């Protein structure tokens, strides 16, 4: 019985760690893209007001 339980727990733990890892990347990318989008959005306004 334990021969079936432990590999299943190991696989579940690996899956959870991968999901958390990917969510971390998604969060980092989201913050990065939001900052980049904010810079791109503010850039035309700055150039127009500067001209």
N, C-alpha and C. Protein backbone atom coordinates (compact mmCIF):
# COMPACT_ATOMS: atom_id res chain seq x y z
N UNK A 1 0.84 -1.20 0.00
CA UNK A 1 0.00 0.00 0.00
C UNK A 1 0.88 1.26 0.00
N UNK A 2 1.89 1.29 0.86
CA UNK A 2 2.74 2.47 0.92
C UNK A 2 3.53 2.64 -0.38
N UNK A 3 3.72 1.53 -1.11
CA UNK A 3 4.43 1.63 -2.39
C UNK A 3 3.63 2.45 -3.39
N UNK A 4 2.32 2.50 -3.23
CA UNK A 4 1.48 3.29 -4.13
C UNK A 4 1.32 4.73 -3.61
N UNK A 5 1.29 4.88 -2.31
CA UNK A 5 1.02 6.19 -1.73
C UNK A 5 2.21 7.14 -1.91
N UNK A 6 3.41 6.67 -1.62
CA UNK A 6 4.56 7.58 -1.65
C UNK A 6 4.87 8.13 -3.04
N UNK A 7 4.86 7.30 -4.10
CA UNK A 7 5.08 7.90 -5.43
C UNK A 7 3.99 8.89 -5.81
N UNK A 8 2.76 8.61 -5.39
CA UNK A 8 1.66 9.53 -5.68
C UNK A 8 1.89 10.86 -4.96
N UNK A 9 2.32 10.80 -3.71
CA UNK A 9 2.61 12.03 -2.95
C UNK A 9 3.78 12.78 -3.60
N UNK A 10 4.78 12.03 -4.05
CA UNK A 10 5.94 12.67 -4.68
C UNK A 10 5.50 13.38 -5.96
N UNK A 11 4.65 12.71 -6.75
CA UNK A 11 4.17 13.33 -7.99
C UNK A 11 3.31 14.54 -7.67
N UNK A 12 2.47 14.44 -6.66
CA UNK A 12 1.60 15.56 -6.30
C UNK A 12 2.46 16.75 -5.83
N UNK A 13 3.48 16.46 -5.04
CA UNK A 13 4.37 17.52 -4.56
C UNK A 13 5.11 18.19 -5.70
N UNK A 14 5.56 17.38 -6.65
CA UNK A 14 6.25 17.92 -7.81
C UNK A 14 5.30 18.80 -8.63
N UNK A 15 4.08 18.32 -8.82
CA UNK A 15 3.08 19.08 -9.58
C UNK A 15 2.79 20.40 -8.90
N UNK A 16 2.59 20.38 -7.59
CA UNK A 16 2.30 21.60 -6.84
C UNK A 16 3.46 22.58 -6.94
N UNK A 17 4.68 22.07 -6.82
CA UNK A 17 5.83 22.96 -6.89
C UNK A 17 5.96 23.57 -8.28
N UNK A 18 5.64 22.80 -9.32
CA UNK A 18 5.70 23.33 -10.68
C UNK A 18 4.64 24.42 -10.86
N UNK A 19 3.43 24.16 -10.35
CA UNK A 19 2.35 25.14 -10.47
C UNK A 19 2.73 26.44 -9.77
N UNK A 20 3.27 26.32 -8.54
CA UNK A 20 3.67 27.52 -7.79
C UNK A 20 4.77 28.26 -8.55
N UNK A 21 5.71 27.49 -9.12
CA UNK A 21 6.81 28.08 -9.89
C UNK A 21 6.27 28.85 -11.09
N UNK A 22 5.34 28.25 -11.83
CA UNK A 22 4.77 28.91 -13.00
C UNK A 22 3.95 30.14 -12.60
N UNK A 23 3.22 30.04 -11.49
CA UNK A 23 2.45 31.20 -11.03
C UNK A 23 3.39 32.34 -10.67
N UNK A 24 4.53 32.01 -10.08
CA UNK A 24 5.52 33.03 -9.75
C UNK A 24 6.02 33.73 -11.00
N UNK A 25 6.30 32.94 -12.04
CA UNK A 25 6.73 33.53 -13.31
C UNK A 25 5.62 34.41 -13.89
N UNK A 26 4.39 33.92 -13.85
CA UNK A 26 3.27 34.69 -14.40
C UNK A 26 3.13 36.03 -13.68
N UNK A 27 3.31 36.01 -12.36
CA UNK A 27 3.20 37.24 -11.59
C UNK A 27 4.31 38.22 -11.97
N UNK A 28 5.53 37.69 -12.11
CA UNK A 28 6.67 38.55 -12.47
C UNK A 28 6.45 39.15 -13.86
N UNK A 29 6.01 38.30 -14.82
CA UNK A 29 5.77 38.80 -16.17
C UNK A 29 4.66 39.85 -16.17
N UNK A 30 3.62 39.62 -15.37
CA UNK A 30 2.50 40.56 -15.34
C UNK A 30 2.96 41.92 -14.83
N UNK A 31 3.74 41.91 -13.75
CA UNK A 31 4.24 43.17 -13.21
C UNK A 31 5.14 43.86 -14.24
N UNK A 32 6.00 43.07 -14.88
CA UNK A 32 6.92 43.64 -15.88
C UNK A 32 6.14 44.26 -17.04
N UNK A 33 5.14 43.51 -17.56
CA UNK A 33 4.38 44.02 -18.70
C UNK A 33 3.54 45.23 -18.32
N UNK A 34 3.02 45.23 -17.09
CA UNK A 34 2.23 46.40 -16.66
C UNK A 34 3.13 47.63 -16.58
N UNK A 35 4.35 47.46 -16.08
CA UNK A 35 5.27 48.60 -16.01
C UNK A 35 5.65 49.06 -17.41
N UNK A 36 5.93 48.08 -18.30
CA UNK A 36 6.30 48.43 -19.68
C UNK A 36 5.13 49.12 -20.37
N UNK A 37 3.91 48.62 -20.16
CA UNK A 37 2.73 49.23 -20.77
C UNK A 37 2.52 50.64 -20.22
N UNK A 38 2.76 50.81 -18.92
CA UNK A 38 2.62 52.14 -18.33
C UNK A 38 3.63 53.11 -18.91
N UNK A 39 4.84 52.65 -19.15
CA UNK A 39 5.87 53.51 -19.75
C UNK A 39 5.47 53.86 -21.18
N UNK A 40 4.98 52.86 -21.93
CA UNK A 40 4.58 53.11 -23.31
C UNK A 40 3.38 54.05 -23.37
N UNK A 41 2.48 53.90 -22.39
CA UNK A 41 1.29 54.76 -22.38
C UNK A 41 1.68 56.20 -22.04
N UNK A 42 2.62 56.37 -21.11
CA UNK A 42 2.98 57.72 -20.69
C UNK A 42 3.94 58.38 -21.69
N UNK A 43 4.63 57.59 -22.50
CA UNK A 43 5.61 58.15 -23.43
C UNK A 43 4.98 59.08 -24.46
N UNK A 44 3.91 58.68 -25.16
CA UNK A 44 3.32 59.60 -26.15
C UNK A 44 2.82 60.89 -25.50
N UNK A 45 2.28 60.79 -24.29
CA UNK A 45 1.79 61.98 -23.59
C UNK A 45 2.96 62.92 -23.31
N UNK A 46 4.09 62.35 -22.88
CA UNK A 46 5.25 63.17 -22.58
C UNK A 46 5.78 63.85 -23.84
N UNK A 47 5.85 63.11 -24.95
CA UNK A 47 6.39 63.70 -26.17
C UNK A 47 5.45 64.77 -26.71
N UNK A 48 4.15 64.54 -26.59
CA UNK A 48 3.18 65.52 -27.08
C UNK A 48 3.24 66.79 -26.22
N UNK A 49 3.30 66.62 -24.91
CA UNK A 49 3.34 67.80 -24.03
C UNK A 49 4.68 68.52 -24.16
N UNK A 50 5.73 67.75 -24.50
CA UNK A 50 7.05 68.35 -24.64
C UNK A 50 7.17 69.15 -25.93
N UNK A 51 6.39 68.79 -26.94
CA UNK A 51 6.50 69.47 -28.24
C UNK A 51 5.75 70.78 -28.25
